Amino acid sequence: MYKFSSTEGWEMCCQILKDRLPSPHDYQLEGVSAILDKQDFIGVSATGSGKSAYAYMVLHIIQGLQAHPTLCPLANFPPDPENPAYIS
């Protein structure tokens, strides 16, 4: 299984996000990689520090990987994540 929380995973996430969003902070990458690794995550930080960006970053990374699967051939995401059949 691919680990998004690895150095290679962080670099790939940054590569996908660089054209879509401003550069993420390390604490945001830590949270995003935990979410993508299917780990429980809770982000606690000050108002305006970018907590909402976690959700946007995860979505952009998944879209980027679906558009360019060669970036991470081991990543496995449902083709239609909004379909209730994929929600567990």
PDB file of N, CA and C in Angstrom:
ATOM      1  N   MET A   1       0.840  -1.184   0.000  1.00  0.00           N
ATOM      2  CA  MET A   1       0.000   0.000   0.000  1.00  0.00           C
ATOM      3  C   MET A   1       0.884   1.246   0.000  1.00  0.00           C
ATOM      4  N   TYR A   2       0.521   2.214  -0.780  1.00  0.00           N
ATOM      5  CA  TYR A   2       1.272   3.466  -0.884  1.00  0.00           C
ATOM      6  C   TYR A   2       1.066   4.297   0.369  1.00  0.00           C
ATOM      7  N   LYS A   3       2.136   4.938   0.845  1.00  0.00           N
ATOM      8  CA  LYS A   3       2.057   5.791   2.031  1.00  0.00           C
ATOM      9  C   LYS A   3       2.183   7.251   1.612  1.00  0.00           C
ATOM     10  N   PHE A   4       1.084   7.978   1.700  1.00  0.00           N
ATOM     11  CA  PHE A   4       1.104   9.405   1.394  1.00  0.00           C
ATOM     12  C   PHE A   4       1.885  10.175   2.456  1.00  0.00           C
ATOM     13  N   SER A   5       2.039   9.577   3.638  1.00  0.00           N
ATOM     14  CA  SER A   5       2.764  10.251   4.715  1.00  0.00           C
ATOM     15  C   SER A   5       4.278  10.104   4.582  1.00  0.00           C
ATOM     16  N   SER A   6       4.752   9.477   3.529  1.00  0.00           N
ATOM     17  CA  SER A   6       6.197   9.370   3.285  1.00  0.00           C
ATOM     18  C   SER A   6       6.708  10.643   2.615  1.00  0.00           C
ATOM     19  N   THR A   7       8.013  10.801   2.575  1.00  0.00           N
ATOM     20  CA  THR A   7       8.611  11.952   1.893  1.00  0.00           C
ATOM     21  C   THR A   7       8.185  11.969   0.427  1.00  0.00           C
ATOM     22  N   GLU A   8       8.197  10.808  -0.201  1.00  0.00           N
ATOM     23  CA  GLU A   8       7.778  10.696  -1.599  1.00  0.00           C
ATOM     24  C   GLU A   8       6.301  11.100  -1.751  1.00  0.00           C
ATOM     25  N   GLY A   9       5.475  10.692  -0.798  1.00  0.00           N
ATOM     26  CA  GLY A   9       4.058  11.038  -0.836  1.00  0.00           C
ATOM     27  C   GLY A   9       3.830  12.536  -0.697  1.00  0.00           C
ATOM     28  N   TRP A  10       4.558  13.168   0.222  1.00  0.00           N
ATOM     29  CA  TRP A  10       4.444  14.621   0.408  1.00  0.00           C
ATOM     30  C   TRP A  10       4.852  15.351  -0.869  1.00  0.00           C
ATOM     31  N   GLU A  11       5.951  14.903  -1.487  1.00  0.00           N
ATOM     32  CA  GLU A  11       6.427  15.545  -2.717  1.00  0.00           C
ATOM     33  C   GLU A  11       5.394  15.424  -3.836  1.00  0.00           C
ATOM     34  N   MET A  12       4.773  14.246  -3.946  1.00  0.00           N
ATOM     35  CA  MET A  12       3.765  14.055  -4.967  1.00  0.00           C
ATOM     36  C   MET A  12       2.558  14.949  -4.695  1.00  0.00           C
ATOM     37  N   CYS A  13       2.133  15.032  -3.441  1.00  0.00           N
ATOM     38  CA  CYS A  13       1.003  15.897  -3.084  1.00  0.00           C
ATOM     39  C   CYS A  13       1.318  17.351  -3.427  1.00  0.00           C
ATOM     40  N   CYS A  14       2.521  17.800  -3.101  1.00  0.00           N
ATOM     41  CA  CYS A  14       2.922  19.176  -3.425  1.00  0.00           C
ATOM     42  C   CYS A  14       2.936  19.401  -4.926  1.00  0.00           C
ATOM     43  N   GLN A  15       3.396  18.400  -5.686  1.00  0.00           N
ATOM     44  CA  GLN A  15       3.438  18.506  -7.143  1.00  0.00           C
ATOM     45  C   GLN A  15       2.025  18.685  -7.697  1.00  0.00           C
ATOM     46  N   ILE A  16       1.076  17.924  -7.198  1.00  0.00           N
ATOM     47  CA  ILE A  16      -0.306  18.026  -7.670  1.00  0.00           C
ATOM     48  C   ILE A  16      -0.910  19.364  -7.272  1.00  0.00           C
ATOM     49  N   LEU A  17      -0.638  19.805  -6.049  1.00  0.00           N
ATOM     50  CA  LEU A  17      -1.264  21.018  -5.531  1.00  0.00           C
ATOM     51  C   LEU A  17      -0.658  22.304  -6.069  1.00  0.00           C
ATOM     52  N   LYS A  18       0.569  22.270  -6.547  1.00  0.00           N
ATOM     53  CA  LYS A  18       1.266  23.503  -6.913  1.00  0.00           C
ATOM     54  C   LYS A  18       0.537  24.324  -7.980  1.00  0.00           C
ATOM     55  N   ASP A  19      -0.180  23.672  -8.872  1.00  0.00           N
ATOM     56  CA  ASP A  19      -0.903  24.389  -9.917  1.00  0.00           C
ATOM     57  C   ASP A  19      -2.350  24.696  -9.531  1.00  0.00           C
ATOM     58  N   ARG A  20      -2.783  24.186  -8.401  1.00  0.00           N
ATOM     59  CA  ARG A  20      -4.189  24.306  -8.026  1.00  0.00           C
ATOM     60  C   ARG A  20      -4.424  25.216  -6.823  1.00  0.00           C
ATOM     61  N   LEU A  21      -3.507  25.189  -5.868  1.00  0.00           N
ATOM     62  CA  LEU A  21      -3.676  25.926  -4.612  1.00  0.00           C
ATOM     63  C   LEU A  21      -2.337  26.533  -4.199  1.00  0.00           C
ATOM     64  N   PRO A  22      -2.369  27.500  -3.284  1.00  0.00           N
ATOM     65  CA  PRO A  22      -1.095  28.010  -2.746  1.00  0.00           C
ATOM     66  C   PRO A  22      -0.332  26.888  -2.050  1.00  0.00           C
ATOM     67  N   SER A  23       0.943  27.102  -1.836  1.00  0.00           N
ATOM     68  CA  SER A  23       1.780  26.088  -1.195  1.00  0.00           C
ATOM     69  C   SER A  23       1.230  25.722   0.177  1.00  0.00           C
ATOM     70  N   PRO A  24       1.034  24.428   0.420  1.00  0.00           N
ATOM     71  CA  PRO A  24       0.516  24.017   1.722  1.00  0.00           C
ATOM     72  C   PRO A  24       1.584  24.125   2.808  1.00  0.00           C
ATOM     73  N   HIS A  25       1.124  24.330   4.026  1.00  0.00           N
ATOM     74  CA  HIS A  25       2.019  24.311   5.180  1.00  0.00           C
ATOM     75  C   HIS A  25       2.309  22.853   5.540  1.00  0.00           C
ATOM     76  N   ASP A  26       3.389  22.633   6.273  1.00  0.00           N
ATOM     77  CA  ASP A  26       3.733  21.265   6.675  1.00  0.00           C
ATOM     78  C   ASP A  26       2.621  20.623   7.500  1.00  0.00           C
ATOM     79  N   TYR A  27       2.000  21.393   8.414  1.00  0.00           N
ATOM     80  CA  TYR A  27       0.943  20.802   9.230  1.00  0.00           C
ATOM     81  C   TYR A  27      -0.266  20.413   8.378  1.00  0.00           C
ATOM     82  N   GLN A  28      -0.485  21.132   7.281  1.00  0.00           N
ATOM     83  CA  GLN A  28      -1.578  20.764   6.382  1.00  0.00           C
ATOM     84  C   GLN A  28      -1.229  19.487   5.621  1.00  0.00           C
ATOM     85  N   LEU A  29       0.008  19.383   5.153  1.00  0.00           N
ATOM     86  CA  LEU A  29       0.432  18.160   4.458  1.00  0.00           C
ATOM     87  C   LEU A  29       0.375  16.955   5.384  1.00  0.00           C
ATOM     88  N   GLU A  30       0.719  17.173   6.640  1.00  0.00           N
ATOM     89  CA  GLU A  30       0.655  16.083   7.605  1.00  0.00           C
ATOM     90  C   GLU A  30      -0.786  15.575   7.729  1.00  0.00           C
ATOM     91  N   GLY A  31      -1.727  16.510   7.825  1.00  0.00           N
ATOM     92  CA  GLY A  31      -3.128  16.129   7.940  1.00  0.00           C
ATOM     93  C   GLY A  31      -3.667  15.494   6.675  1.00  0.00           C
ATOM     94  N   VAL A  32      -3.363  16.080   5.540  1.00  0.00           N
ATOM     95  CA  VAL A  32      -3.837  15.562   4.254  1.00  0.00           C
ATOM     96  C   VAL A  32      -3.288  14.159   4.010  1.00  0.00           C
ATOM     97  N   SER A  33      -2.016  13.954   4.297  1.00  0.00           N
ATOM     98  CA  SER A  33      -1.436  12.628   4.075  1.00  0.00           C
ATOM     99  C   SER A  33      -2.046  11.595   5.021  1.00  0.00           C
ATOM    100  N   ALA A  34      -2.360  11.997   6.247  1.00  0.00           N
ATOM    101  CA  ALA A  34      -3.027  11.073   7.176  1.00  0.00           C
ATOM    102  C   ALA A  34      -4.400  10.690   6.646  1.00  0.00           C
ATOM    103  N   ILE A  35      -5.142  11.664   6.149  1.00  0.00           N
ATOM    104  CA  ILE A  35      -6.470  11.394   5.591  1.00  0.00           C
ATOM    105  C   ILE A  35      -6.357  10.448   4.388  1.00  0.00           C
ATOM    106  N   LEU A  36      -5.415  10.732   3.499  1.00  0.00           N
ATOM    107  CA  LEU A  36      -5.237   9.878   2.307  1.00  0.00           C
ATOM    108  C   LEU A  36      -4.748   8.481   2.671  1.00  0.00           C
ATOM    109  N   ASP A  37      -4.044   8.362   3.803  1.00  0.00           N
ATOM    110  CA  ASP A  37      -3.599   7.052   4.293  1.00  0.00           C
ATOM    111  C   ASP A  37      -4.693   6.353   5.096  1.00  0.00           C
ATOM    112  N   LYS A  38      -5.894   6.955   5.113  1.00  0.00           N
ATOM    113  CA  LYS A  38      -7.067   6.403   5.800  1.00  0.00           C
ATOM    114  C   LYS A  38      -6.859   6.301   7.306  1.00  0.00           C
ATOM    115  N   GLN A  39      -6.167   7.270   7.857  1.00  0.00           N
ATOM    116  CA  GLN A  39      -5.978   7.359   9.303  1.00  0.00           C
ATOM    117  C   GLN A  39      -6.930   8.405   9.857  1.00  0.00           C
ATOM    118  N   ASP A  40      -7.346   8.203  11.090  1.00  0.00           N
ATOM    119  CA  ASP A  40      -8.162   9.222  11.741  1.00  0.00           C
ATOM    120  C   ASP A  40      -7.325  10.476  11.906  1.00  0.00           C
ATOM    121  N   PHE A  41      -7.965  11.622  11.757  1.00  0.00           N
ATOM    122  CA  PHE A  41      -7.242  12.895  11.857  1.00  0.00           C
ATOM    123  C   PHE A  41      -8.161  13.964  12.424  1.00  0.00           C
ATOM    124  N   ILE A  42      -7.625  14.773  13.308  1.00  0.00           N
ATOM    125  CA  ILE A  42      -8.334  15.945  13.796  1.00  0.00           C
ATOM    126  C   ILE A  42      -7.353  17.109  13.751  1.00  0.00           C
ATOM    127  N   GLY A  43      -7.785  18.206  13.165  1.00  0.00           N
ATOM    128  CA  GLY A  43      -6.926  19.386  13.049  1.00  0.00           C
ATOM    129  C   GLY A  43      -7.440  20.492  13.957  1.00  0.00           C
ATOM    130  N   VAL A  44      -6.612  20.922  14.876  1.00  0.00           N
ATOM    131  CA  VAL A  44      -6.978  21.996  15.802  1.00  0.00           C
ATOM    132  C   VAL A  44      -5.953  23.108  15.623  1.00  0.00           C
ATOM    133  N   SER A  45      -6.431  24.254  15.171  1.00  0.00           N
ATOM    134  CA  SER A  45      -5.544  25.411  15.022  1.00  0.00           C
ATOM    135  C   SER A  45      -6.389  26.678  15.029  1.00  0.00           C
ATOM    136  N   ALA A  46      -5.736  27.788  14.966  1.00  0.00           N
ATOM    137  CA  ALA A  46      -6.395  29.084  15.090  1.00  0.00           C
ATOM    138  C   ALA A  46      -7.327  29.373  13.912  1.00  0.00           C
ATOM    139  N   THR A  47      -8.269  30.258  14.156  1.00  0.00           N
ATOM    140  CA  THR A  47      -9.160  30.724  13.106  1.00  0.00           C
ATOM    141  C   THR A  47      -8.339  31.340  11.976  1.00  0.00           C
ATOM    142  N   GLY A  48      -8.667  30.971  10.759  1.00  0.00           N
ATOM    143  CA  GLY A  48      -7.977  31.528   9.601  1.00  0.00           C
ATOM    144  C   GLY A  48      -6.655  30.866   9.276  1.00  0.00           C
ATOM    145  N   SER A  49      -6.360  29.741   9.917  1.00  0.00           N
ATOM    146  CA  SER A  49      -5.067  29.091   9.690  1.00  0.00           C
ATOM    147  C   SER A  49      -5.088  28.066   8.562  1.00  0.00           C
ATOM    148  N   GLY A  50      -6.248  27.836   7.950  1.00  0.00           N
ATOM    149  CA  GLY A  50      -6.303  26.938   6.802  1.00  0.00           C
ATOM    150  C   GLY A  50      -6.845  25.559   7.082  1.00  0.00           C
ATOM    151  N   LYS A  51      -7.675  25.423   8.108  1.00  0.00           N
ATOM    152  CA  LYS A  51      -8.238  24.099   8.391  1.00  0.00           C
ATOM    153  C   LYS A  51      -9.166  23.629   7.268  1.00  0.00           C
ATOM    154  N   SER A  52      -9.932  24.524   6.698  1.00  0.00           N
ATOM    155  CA  SER A  52     -10.833  24.142   5.605  1.00  0.00           C
ATOM    156  C   SER A  52     -10.061  23.650   4.391  1.00  0.00           C
ATOM    157  N   ALA A  53      -8.836  24.094   4.264  1.00  0.00           N
ATOM    158  CA  ALA A  53      -8.017  23.688   3.121  1.00  0.00           C
ATOM    159  C   ALA A  53      -7.715  22.197   3.121  1.00  0.00           C
ATOM    160  N   TYR A  54      -7.789  21.546   4.290  1.00  0.00           N
ATOM    161  CA  TYR A  54      -7.569  20.094   4.327  1.00  0.00           C
ATOM    162  C   TYR A  54      -8.503  19.400   3.338  1.00  0.00           C
ATOM    163  N   ALA A  55      -9.781  19.738   3.410  1.00  0.00           N
ATOM    164  CA  ALA A  55     -10.763  19.091   2.539  1.00  0.00           C
ATOM    165  C   ALA A  55     -10.480  19.402   1.075  1.00  0.00           C
ATOM    166  N   TYR A  56     -10.190  20.659   0.778  1.00  0.00           N
ATOM    167  CA  TYR A  56      -9.913  21.046  -0.615  1.00  0.00           C
ATOM    168  C   TYR A  56      -8.670  20.343  -1.143  1.00  0.00           C
ATOM    169  N   MET A  57      -7.647  20.266  -0.308  1.00  0.00           N
ATOM    170  CA  MET A  57      -6.402  19.627  -0.744  1.00  0.00           C
ATOM    171  C   MET A  57      -6.611  18.151  -1.033  1.00  0.00           C
ATOM    172  N   VAL A  58      -7.335  17.467  -0.152  1.00  0.00           N
ATOM    173  CA  VAL A  58      -7.599  16.044  -0.368  1.00  0.00           C
ATOM    174  C   VAL A  58      -8.338  15.852  -1.692  1.00  0.00           C
ATOM    175  N   LEU A  59      -9.358  16.658  -1.919  1.00  0.00           N
ATOM    176  CA  LEU A  59     -10.119  16.538  -3.161  1.00  0.00           C
ATOM    177  C   LEU A  59      -9.264  16.825  -4.393  1.00  0.00           C
ATOM    178  N   HIS A  60      -8.435  17.856  -4.320  1.00  0.00           N
ATOM    179  CA  HIS A  60      -7.572  18.185  -5.464  1.00  0.00           C
ATOM    180  C   HIS A  60      -6.554  17.074  -5.727  1.00  0.00           C
ATOM    181  N   ILE A  61      -6.034  16.484  -4.681  1.00  0.00           N
ATOM    182  CA  ILE A  61      -5.063  15.400  -4.858  1.00  0.00           C
ATOM    183  C   ILE A  61      -5.738  14.187  -5.491  1.00  0.00           C
ATOM    184  N   ILE A  62      -6.916  13.832  -5.000  1.00  0.00           N
ATOM    185  CA  ILE A  62      -7.640  12.697  -5.590  1.00  0.00           C
ATOM    186  C   ILE A  62      -7.965  12.977  -7.054  1.00  0.00           C
ATOM    187  N   GLN A  63      -8.431  14.180  -7.361  1.00  0.00           N
ATOM    188  CA  GLN A  63      -8.716  14.530  -8.754  1.00  0.00           C
ATOM    189  C   GLN A  63      -7.450  14.476  -9.598  1.00  0.00           C
ATOM    190  N   GLY A  64      -6.344  14.967  -9.052  1.00  0.00           N
ATOM    191  CA  GLY A  64      -5.079  14.936  -9.776  1.00  0.00           C
ATOM    192  C   GLY A  64      -4.613  13.522 -10.060  1.00  0.00           C
ATOM    193  N   LEU A  65      -4.790  12.629  -9.083  1.00  0.00           N
ATOM    194  CA  LEU A  65      -4.382  11.237  -9.272  1.00  0.00           C
ATOM    195  C   LEU A  65      -5.313  10.505 -10.237  1.00  0.00           C
ATOM    196  N   GLN A  66      -6.583  10.859 -10.231  1.00  0.00           N
ATOM    197  CA  GLN A  66      -7.497  10.238 -11.190  1.00  0.00           C
ATOM    198  C   GLN A  66      -7.215  10.720 -12.612  1.00  0.00           C
ATOM    199  N   ALA A  67      -6.803  11.974 -12.743  1.00  0.00           N
ATOM    200  CA  ALA A  67      -6.480  12.516 -14.060  1.00  0.00           C
ATOM    201  C   ALA A  67      -5.138  12.005 -14.575  1.00  0.00           C
ATOM    202  N   HIS A  68      -4.215  11.739 -13.665  1.00  0.00           N
ATOM    203  CA  HIS A  68      -2.860  11.292 -14.024  1.00  0.00           C
ATOM    204  C   HIS A  68      -2.469  10.096 -13.147  1.00  0.00           C
ATOM    205  N   PRO A  69      -3.037   8.933 -13.389  1.00  0.00           N
ATOM    206  CA  PRO A  69      -2.784   7.768 -12.535  1.00  0.00           C
ATOM    207  C   PRO A  69      -1.333   7.309 -12.513  1.00  0.00           C
ATOM    208  N   THR A  70      -0.544   7.722 -13.486  1.00  0.00           N
ATOM    209  CA  THR A  70       0.865   7.309 -13.493  1.00  0.00           C
ATOM    210  C   THR A  70       1.661   7.979 -12.380  1.00  0.00           C
ATOM    211  N   LEU A  71       1.128   9.067 -11.797  1.00  0.00           N
ATOM    212  CA  LEU A  71       1.818   9.711 -10.670  1.00  0.00           C
ATOM    213  C   LEU A  71       1.915   8.775  -9.481  1.00  0.00           C
ATOM    214  N   CYS A  72       0.916   7.952  -9.304  1.00  0.00           N
ATOM    215  CA  CYS A  72       0.890   7.010  -8.191  1.00  0.00           C
ATOM    216  C   CYS A  72       0.031   5.810  -8.578  1.00  0.00           C
ATOM    217  N   PRO A  73       0.616   4.857  -9.286  1.00  0.00           N
ATOM    218  CA  PRO A  73      -0.160   3.704  -9.756  1.00  0.00           C
ATOM    219  C   PRO A  73      -0.772   2.877  -8.632  1.00  0.00           C
ATOM    220  N   LEU A  74      -0.204   2.966  -7.429  1.00  0.00           N
ATOM    221  CA  LEU A  74      -0.706   2.167  -6.322  1.00  0.00           C
ATOM    222  C   LEU A  74      -1.897   2.805  -5.609  1.00  0.00           C
ATOM    223  N   ALA A  75      -2.175   4.063  -5.911  1.00  0.00           N
ATOM    224  CA  ALA A  75      -3.318   4.730  -5.280  1.00  0.00           C
ATOM    225  C   ALA A  75      -4.605   4.143  -5.837  1.00  0.00           C
ATOM    226  N   ASN A  76      -5.553   3.932  -4.950  1.00  0.00           N
ATOM    227  CA  ASN A  76      -6.810   3.322  -5.358  1.00  0.00           C
ATOM    228  C   ASN A  76      -7.960   4.118  -4.752  1.00  0.00           C
ATOM    229  N   PHE A  77      -8.636   4.891  -5.598  1.00  0.00           N
ATOM    230  CA  PHE A  77      -9.774   5.680  -5.164  1.00  0.00           C
ATOM    231  C   PHE A  77     -10.976   5.287  -5.995  1.00  0.00           C
ATOM    232  N   PRO A  78     -12.159   5.368  -5.421  1.00  0.00           N
ATOM    233  CA  PRO A  78     -13.356   5.024  -6.207  1.00  0.00           C
ATOM    234  C   PRO A  78     -13.526   5.988  -7.371  1.00  0.00           C
ATOM    235  N   PRO A  79     -14.026   5.507  -8.501  1.00  0.00           N
ATOM    236  CA  PRO A  79     -14.197   6.380  -9.669  1.00  0.00           C
ATOM    237  C   PRO A  79     -15.236   7.470  -9.433  1.00  0.00           C
ATOM    238  N   ASP A  80     -16.194   7.219  -8.550  1.00  0.00           N
ATOM    239  CA  ASP A  80     -17.241   8.195  -8.255  1.00  0.00           C
ATOM    240  C   ASP A  80     -17.384   8.293  -6.736  1.00  0.00           C
ATOM    241  N   PRO A  81     -16.530   9.070  -6.065  1.00  0.00           N
ATOM    242  CA  PRO A  81     -16.540   9.089  -4.600  1.00  0.00           C
ATOM    243  C   PRO A  81     -17.818   9.655  -3.992  1.00  0.00           C
ATOM    244  N   GLU A  82     -18.644  10.343  -4.794  1.00  0.00           N
ATOM    245  CA  GLU A  82     -19.898  10.877  -4.253  1.00  0.00           C
ATOM    246  C   GLU A  82     -20.999   9.823  -4.242  1.00  0.00           C
ATOM    247  N   ASN A  83     -20.779   8.692  -4.892  1.00  0.00           N
ATOM    248  CA  ASN A  83     -21.752   7.629  -4.934  1.00  0.00           C
ATOM    249  C   ASN A  83     -21.883   7.010  -3.533  1.00  0.00           C
ATOM    250  N   PRO A  84     -23.092   6.979  -2.952  1.00  0.00           N
ATOM    251  CA  PRO A  84     -23.262   6.439  -1.598  1.00  0.00           C
ATOM    252  C   PRO A  84     -22.782   5.002  -1.433  1.00  0.00           C
ATOM    253  N   ALA A  85     -22.676   4.267  -2.514  1.00  0.00           N
ATOM    254  CA  ALA A  85     -22.199   2.876  -2.415  1.00  0.00           C
ATOM    255  C   ALA A  85     -20.754   2.810  -1.948  1.00  0.00           C
ATOM    256  N   TYR A  86     -19.980   3.897  -2.127  1.00  0.00           N
ATOM    257  CA  TYR A  86     -18.574   3.900  -1.736  1.00  0.00           C
ATOM    258  C   TYR A  86     -18.369   4.378  -0.304  1.00  0.00           C
ATOM    259  N   ILE A  87     -19.390   4.908   0.311  1.00  0.00           N
ATOM    260  CA  ILE A  87     -19.257   5.437   1.675  1.00  0.00           C
ATOM    261  C   ILE A  87     -19.437   4.289   2.651  1.00  0.00           C
ATOM    262  N   SER A  88     -18.442   4.127   3.516  1.00  0.00           N
ATOM    263  CA  SER A  88     -18.536   3.032   4.499  1.00  0.00           C
ATOM    264  C   SER A  88     -18.790   3.561   5.882  1.00  0.00           C
TER     265      SER A  88
END
